[in-house]
Amino acid sequence: MDRGKYIRVDKHSTTDELLTFDIRKVNKDAFINDGWLNHYRLDNSFIISYKFNGHSFYIVDYQQHISLTKTNCNYSGYRYWFICPKCNEKAAILYLKDKCFLCRCCQNLAYTSQRRCQIDRLLVKMLKIRRSIGASSNIMEPIINKPKGMHWKTFANIINEEKTVSQQYANAVISELRLDSFIYKA
C-alpha cells in the first residue's frame, strides 16, 4: 500500500499563511481619487498605504509599483485586475512574501485544500453533501428528511452520492488503520 496516497507532505507555504492584497476589497473611491494616499488593511493589525494613478498602484510601504488592467463585465461596467510584477499575468489577489507582492504562482503557494490527505478530502466532501440538504454534520446520523421543495429524484441522487462518498471514506480509514498497524508491528 502506498502511504503517499493518503498523506501529502509539502514544504510550500499556503495562501492562508500570508497577507493578501485583494483588488476586490479595495475601496472603490480609490479608483476615483488619483494620487491620493489610501490605506488597505491586510489583517487586523497590519495596514499598508498606497496611491492610485489611473493605471497602477504604488505601495508606499514597500516602494512597489503594481500595474492594473480591466476587463469588461457581461452586463456593463468593468472589473480591475492586478498585473503580477513578475509574470505579468492577471490576478485578483497578490500575496506578501519577502517584502514583495506577487501572485500565488510566483510566490509558489498552494491552497490549503491541496495539502489535505485523501481521508480529509472525503470527509469534507461528505459534509458538504450533508450540508446541501440540511442534514446533520454528524456522519453517524442517517439522512432522513428530504428538504421541502426538492424533487424525490434529486434527493435520491444526493443520498446515493453521500453513500458512495461515505463508503470511500470508510475504505480509506480502514486502509489507513491497516497500514498503521502494519507499520507499528514492523
C-alpha atoms as a PDB file:
ATOM      1  CA  MET A   1       0.000   0.000   0.000  1.00  0.00           C
ATOM      2  CA  ASP A   2       1.374   3.400  -0.971  1.00  0.00           C
ATOM      3  CA  ARG A   3       1.262   5.649   2.100  1.00  0.00           C
ATOM      4  CA  GLY A   4       1.801   8.786  -0.030  1.00  0.00           C
ATOM      5  CA  LYS A   5      -1.667   8.243  -1.442  1.00  0.00           C
ATOM      6  CA  TYR A   6      -3.183   9.252   1.887  1.00  0.00           C
ATOM      7  CA  ILE A   7      -0.777  11.783   3.348  1.00  0.00           C
ATOM      8  CA  ARG A   8       0.510  14.809   1.484  1.00  0.00           C
ATOM      9  CA  VAL A   9       3.743  16.282   2.679  1.00  0.00           C
ATOM     10  CA  ASP A  10       4.563  19.632   1.166  1.00  0.00           C
ATOM     11  CA  LYS A  11       7.131  22.185   2.226  1.00  0.00           C
ATOM     12  CA  HIS A  12       5.476  25.060   0.347  1.00  0.00           C
ATOM     13  CA  SER A  13       3.568  27.767   2.167  1.00  0.00           C
ATOM     14  CA  THR A  14      -0.174  28.033   1.689  1.00  0.00           C
ATOM     15  CA  THR A  15      -2.287  31.012   0.724  1.00  0.00           C
ATOM     16  CA  ASP A  16      -3.745  31.126   4.246  1.00  0.00           C
ATOM     17  CA  GLU A  17      -0.329  31.731   5.793  1.00  0.00           C
ATOM     18  CA  LEU A  18       0.441  35.032   4.010  1.00  0.00           C
ATOM     19  CA  LEU A  19      -1.007  38.524   3.994  1.00  0.00           C
ATOM     20  CA  THR A  20      -3.081  39.337   0.907  1.00  0.00           C
ATOM     21  CA  PHE A  21      -3.845  42.413  -1.167  1.00  0.00           C
ATOM     22  CA  ASP A  22      -7.229  41.778  -2.804  1.00  0.00           C
ATOM     23  CA  ILE A  23      -8.315  44.138  -5.598  1.00  0.00           C
ATOM     24  CA  ARG A  24     -11.949  43.205  -4.947  1.00  0.00           C
ATOM     25  CA  LYS A  25     -11.709  44.590  -1.414  1.00  0.00           C
ATOM     26  CA  VAL A  26     -10.032  47.863  -2.325  1.00  0.00           C
ATOM     27  CA  ASN A  27     -12.246  50.835  -1.554  1.00  0.00           C
ATOM     28  CA  LYS A  28     -13.891  51.869  -4.835  1.00  0.00           C
ATOM     29  CA  ASP A  29     -13.201  55.536  -4.003  1.00  0.00           C
ATOM     30  CA  ALA A  30      -9.503  54.809  -4.519  1.00  0.00           C
ATOM     31  CA  PHE A  31     -10.130  54.385  -8.262  1.00  0.00           C
ATOM     32  CA  ILE A  32     -11.642  57.865  -8.465  1.00  0.00           C
ATOM     33  CA  ASN A  33      -9.098  59.819  -6.436  1.00  0.00           C
ATOM     34  CA  ASP A  34      -5.873  59.751  -8.453  1.00  0.00           C
ATOM     35  CA  GLY A  35      -2.742  60.384  -6.415  1.00  0.00           C
ATOM     36  CA  TRP A  36      -4.455  60.350  -3.028  1.00  0.00           C
ATOM     37  CA  LEU A  37      -2.908  58.341  -0.241  1.00  0.00           C
ATOM     38  CA  ASN A  38      -5.203  55.447   0.622  1.00  0.00           C
ATOM     39  CA  HIS A  39      -4.952  52.640   3.150  1.00  0.00           C
ATOM     40  CA  TYR A  40      -5.675  48.923   2.926  1.00  0.00           C
ATOM     41  CA  ARG A  41      -5.959  46.568   5.885  1.00  0.00           C
ATOM     42  CA  LEU A  42      -4.035  43.331   5.214  1.00  0.00           C
ATOM     43  CA  ASP A  43      -5.167  41.828   8.513  1.00  0.00           C
ATOM     44  CA  ASN A  44      -6.389  43.025  11.906  1.00  0.00           C
ATOM     45  CA  SER A  45      -3.125  44.714  12.794  1.00  0.00           C
ATOM     46  CA  PHE A  46      -1.323  45.420   9.522  1.00  0.00           C
ATOM     47  CA  ILE A  47      -2.234  48.338   7.221  1.00  0.00           C
ATOM     48  CA  ILE A  48      -0.441  49.387   4.037  1.00  0.00           C
ATOM     49  CA  SER A  49      -0.535  52.760   2.299  1.00  0.00           C
ATOM     50  CA  TYR A  50      -0.904  53.051  -1.458  1.00  0.00           C
ATOM     51  CA  LYS A  51      -1.578  55.580  -4.197  1.00  0.00           C
ATOM     52  CA  PHE A  52      -3.603  55.004  -7.349  1.00  0.00           C
ATOM     53  CA  ASN A  53      -2.598  56.840 -10.518  1.00  0.00           C
ATOM     54  CA  GLY A  54      -5.100  55.664 -13.127  1.00  0.00           C
ATOM     55  CA  HIS A  55      -3.332  52.523 -14.317  1.00  0.00           C
ATOM     56  CA  SER A  56      -1.299  51.290 -11.343  1.00  0.00           C
ATOM     57  CA  PHE A  57      -0.956  51.143  -7.603  1.00  0.00           C
ATOM     58  CA  TYR A  58       2.130  52.373  -5.820  1.00  0.00           C
ATOM     59  CA  ILE A  59       2.521  50.664  -2.442  1.00  0.00           C
ATOM     60  CA  VAL A  60       4.275  53.291  -0.371  1.00  0.00           C
ATOM     61  CA  ASP A  61       5.371  50.972   2.440  1.00  0.00           C
ATOM     62  CA  TYR A  62       7.241  48.610   0.085  1.00  0.00           C
ATOM     63  CA  GLN A  63       8.051  51.042  -2.733  1.00  0.00           C
ATOM     64  CA  GLN A  64       6.482  48.688  -5.246  1.00  0.00           C
ATOM     65  CA  HIS A  65       4.500  49.529  -8.395  1.00  0.00           C
ATOM     66  CA  ILE A  66       1.686  47.180  -9.362  1.00  0.00           C
ATOM     67  CA  SER A  67       0.104  47.686 -12.765  1.00  0.00           C
ATOM     68  CA  LEU A  68      -3.604  47.221 -13.363  1.00  0.00           C
ATOM     69  CA  THR A  69      -5.764  46.091 -16.222  1.00  0.00           C
ATOM     70  CA  LYS A  70      -9.508  45.910 -16.556  1.00  0.00           C
ATOM     71  CA  THR A  71     -11.907  43.593 -18.312  1.00  0.00           C
ATOM     72  CA  ASN A  72     -15.471  44.260 -19.384  1.00  0.00           C
ATOM     73  CA  CYS A  73     -18.244  42.650 -17.386  1.00  0.00           C
ATOM     74  CA  ASN A  74     -21.164  40.924 -19.120  1.00  0.00           C
ATOM     75  CA  TYR A  75     -23.814  43.448 -18.102  1.00  0.00           C
ATOM     76  CA  SER A  76     -21.854  46.689 -18.406  1.00  0.00           C
ATOM     77  CA  GLY A  77     -19.043  48.126 -16.361  1.00  0.00           C
ATOM     78  CA  TYR A  78     -15.613  46.627 -15.899  1.00  0.00           C
ATOM     79  CA  ARG A  79     -13.503  44.791 -13.364  1.00  0.00           C
ATOM     80  CA  TYR A  80      -9.976  45.730 -12.302  1.00  0.00           C
ATOM     81  CA  TRP A  81      -7.176  43.152 -12.018  1.00  0.00           C
ATOM     82  CA  PHE A  82      -3.629  43.355 -10.724  1.00  0.00           C
ATOM     83  CA  ILE A  83      -0.840  42.528 -13.159  1.00  0.00           C
ATOM     84  CA  CYS A  84       1.690  40.411 -11.288  1.00  0.00           C
ATOM     85  CA  PRO A  85       5.029  42.285 -11.343  1.00  0.00           C
ATOM     86  CA  LYS A  86       6.944  39.066 -12.019  1.00  0.00           C
ATOM     87  CA  CYS A  87       4.921  37.040 -14.569  1.00  0.00           C
ATOM     88  CA  ASN A  88       2.635  39.782 -15.999  1.00  0.00           C
ATOM     89  CA  GLU A  89      -0.492  37.642 -15.520  1.00  0.00           C
ATOM     90  CA  LYS A  90      -3.865  38.909 -14.244  1.00  0.00           C
ATOM     91  CA  ALA A  91      -4.568  38.287 -10.569  1.00  0.00           C
ATOM     92  CA  ALA A  92      -7.277  39.389  -8.172  1.00  0.00           C
ATOM     93  CA  ILE A  93      -5.104  38.682  -5.131  1.00  0.00           C
ATOM     94  CA  LEU A  94      -1.429  39.346  -4.524  1.00  0.00           C
ATOM     95  CA  TYR A  95       0.427  37.744  -1.611  1.00  0.00           C
ATOM     96  CA  LEU A  96       3.067  39.429   0.539  1.00  0.00           C
ATOM     97  CA  LYS A  97       6.217  37.366   0.952  1.00  0.00           C
ATOM     98  CA  ASP A  98       9.785  38.629   1.351  1.00  0.00           C
ATOM     99  CA  LYS A  99       8.558  42.255   1.255  1.00  0.00           C
ATOM    100  CA  CYS A 100       7.116  41.831  -2.244  1.00  0.00           C
ATOM    101  CA  PHE A 101       3.547  41.432  -3.529  1.00  0.00           C
ATOM    102  CA  LEU A 102       3.290  38.706  -6.193  1.00  0.00           C
ATOM    103  CA  CYS A 103       0.622  36.299  -7.459  1.00  0.00           C
ATOM    104  CA  ARG A 104       0.081  32.840  -5.980  1.00  0.00           C
ATOM    105  CA  CYS A 105       2.070  31.035  -8.680  1.00  0.00           C
ATOM    106  CA  CYS A 106       5.086  33.341  -8.452  1.00  0.00           C
ATOM    107  CA  GLN A 107       5.125  33.018  -4.660  1.00  0.00           C
ATOM    108  CA  ASN A 108       4.998  29.203  -5.114  1.00  0.00           C
ATOM    109  CA  LEU A 109       1.924  28.904  -2.876  1.00  0.00           C
ATOM    110  CA  ALA A 110      -0.564  26.075  -2.596  1.00  0.00           C
ATOM    111  CA  TYR A 111      -4.174  26.304  -1.479  1.00  0.00           C
ATOM    112  CA  THR A 112      -4.835  24.716   1.910  1.00  0.00           C
ATOM    113  CA  SER A 113      -7.221  22.231   0.304  1.00  0.00           C
ATOM    114  CA  GLN A 114      -4.399  20.967  -1.920  1.00  0.00           C
ATOM    115  CA  ARG A 115      -2.489  19.808   1.137  1.00  0.00           C
ATOM    116  CA  ARG A 116      -5.299  17.691   2.568  1.00  0.00           C
ATOM    117  CA  CYS A 117      -4.911  13.943   2.619  1.00  0.00           C
ATOM    118  CA  GLN A 118      -7.470  11.702   0.907  1.00  0.00           C
ATOM    119  CA  ILE A 119      -9.350  10.980   4.140  1.00  0.00           C
ATOM    120  CA  ASP A 120      -9.772  14.680   4.898  1.00  0.00           C
ATOM    121  CA  ARG A 121     -10.902  15.404   1.328  1.00  0.00           C
ATOM    122  CA  LEU A 122     -13.547  12.687   1.504  1.00  0.00           C
ATOM    123  CA  LEU A 123     -14.766  13.912   4.899  1.00  0.00           C
ATOM    124  CA  VAL A 124     -15.056  17.493   3.616  1.00  0.00           C
ATOM    125  CA  LYS A 125     -16.932  16.250   0.533  1.00  0.00           C
ATOM    126  CA  MET A 126     -19.314  14.199   2.663  1.00  0.00           C
ATOM    127  CA  LEU A 127     -20.020  17.114   4.998  1.00  0.00           C
ATOM    128  CA  LYS A 128     -20.620  19.410   2.023  1.00  0.00           C
ATOM    129  CA  ILE A 129     -23.199  16.987   0.624  1.00  0.00           C
ATOM    130  CA  ARG A 130     -24.932  16.706   4.001  1.00  0.00           C
ATOM    131  CA  ARG A 131     -24.961  20.500   4.425  1.00  0.00           C
ATOM    132  CA  SER A 132     -26.523  20.941   0.967  1.00  0.00           C
ATOM    133  CA  ILE A 133     -29.687  19.177   2.120  1.00  0.00           C
ATOM    134  CA  GLY A 134     -29.730  20.459   5.690  1.00  0.00           C
ATOM    135  CA  ALA A 135     -28.698  17.160   7.287  1.00  0.00           C
ATOM    136  CA  SER A 136     -26.703  16.863  10.494  1.00  0.00           C
ATOM    137  CA  SER A 137     -22.935  17.215  10.251  1.00  0.00           C
ATOM    138  CA  ASN A 138     -22.669  14.096  12.427  1.00  0.00           C
ATOM    139  CA  ILE A 139     -21.776  11.468   9.825  1.00  0.00           C
ATOM    140  CA  MET A 140     -23.098   8.705  12.105  1.00  0.00           C
ATOM    141  CA  GLU A 141     -26.664  10.058  11.866  1.00  0.00           C
ATOM    142  CA  PRO A 142     -28.702   8.860   8.900  1.00  0.00           C
ATOM    143  CA  ILE A 143     -30.226  11.324   6.459  1.00  0.00           C
ATOM    144  CA  ILE A 144     -33.970  11.000   6.868  1.00  0.00           C
ATOM    145  CA  ASN A 145     -35.784  14.161   5.829  1.00  0.00           C
ATOM    146  CA  LYS A 146     -35.991  15.479   2.290  1.00  0.00           C
ATOM    147  CA  PRO A 147     -35.794  19.281   2.117  1.00  0.00           C
ATOM    148  CA  LYS A 148     -39.112  20.922   1.303  1.00  0.00           C
ATOM    149  CA  GLY A 149     -39.456  21.677  -2.408  1.00  0.00           C
ATOM    150  CA  MET A 150     -36.757  19.237  -3.523  1.00  0.00           C
ATOM    151  CA  HIS A 151     -37.759  16.559  -6.030  1.00  0.00           C
ATOM    152  CA  TRP A 152     -37.577  12.995  -4.789  1.00  0.00           C
ATOM    153  CA  LYS A 153     -35.324  12.019  -7.678  1.00  0.00           C
ATOM    154  CA  THR A 154     -32.849  14.784  -6.799  1.00  0.00           C
ATOM    155  CA  PHE A 155     -32.966  13.751  -3.142  1.00  0.00           C
ATOM    156  CA  ALA A 156     -32.333  10.105  -4.097  1.00  0.00           C
ATOM    157  CA  ASN A 157     -29.335  11.137  -6.230  1.00  0.00           C
ATOM    158  CA  ILE A 158     -27.875  13.141  -3.340  1.00  0.00           C
ATOM    159  CA  ILE A 159     -28.405  10.236  -0.921  1.00  0.00           C
ATOM    160  CA  ASN A 160     -26.684   7.854  -3.360  1.00  0.00           C
ATOM    161  CA  GLU A 161     -23.757  10.252  -3.767  1.00  0.00           C
ATOM    162  CA  GLU A 162     -23.450  10.600   0.022  1.00  0.00           C
ATOM    163  CA  LYS A 163     -23.464   6.804   0.404  1.00  0.00           C
ATOM    164  CA  THR A 164     -20.754   6.434  -2.245  1.00  0.00           C
ATOM    165  CA  VAL A 165     -18.529   9.062  -0.622  1.00  0.00           C
ATOM    166  CA  SER A 166     -19.238   7.590   2.823  1.00  0.00           C
ATOM    167  CA  GLN A 167     -18.134   4.160   1.592  1.00  0.00           C
ATOM    168  CA  GLN A 168     -14.966   5.628   0.041  1.00  0.00           C
ATOM    169  CA  TYR A 169     -14.263   7.412   3.335  1.00  0.00           C
ATOM    170  CA  ALA A 170     -14.737   4.194   5.348  1.00  0.00           C
ATOM    171  CA  ASN A 171     -12.471   2.253   2.975  1.00  0.00           C
ATOM    172  CA  ALA A 172      -9.762   4.931   3.204  1.00  0.00           C
ATOM    173  CA  VAL A 173      -9.931   4.942   7.019  1.00  0.00           C
ATOM    174  CA  ILE A 174      -9.782   1.142   7.187  1.00  0.00           C
ATOM    175  CA  SER A 175      -6.898   1.071   4.749  1.00  0.00           C
ATOM    176  CA  GLU A 176      -5.028   3.688   6.794  1.00  0.00           C
ATOM    177  CA  LEU A 177      -5.652   1.757  10.018  1.00  0.00           C
ATOM    178  CA  ARG A 178      -4.324  -1.430   8.433  1.00  0.00           C
ATOM    179  CA  LEU A 179      -1.260   0.422   7.178  1.00  0.00           C
ATOM    180  CA  ASP A 180      -0.651   1.960  10.624  1.00  0.00           C
ATOM    181  CA  SER A 181      -0.968  -1.414  12.362  1.00  0.00           C
ATOM    182  CA  PHE A 182       1.402  -2.968   9.819  1.00  0.00           C
ATOM    183  CA  ILE A 183       3.966  -0.212  10.390  1.00  0.00           C
ATOM    184  CA  TYR A 184       3.534  -0.480  14.184  1.00  0.00           C
ATOM    185  CA  LYS A 185       4.192  -4.262  14.195  1.00  0.00           C
ATOM    186  CA  ALA A 186       7.256  -3.995  11.980  1.00  0.00           C
END
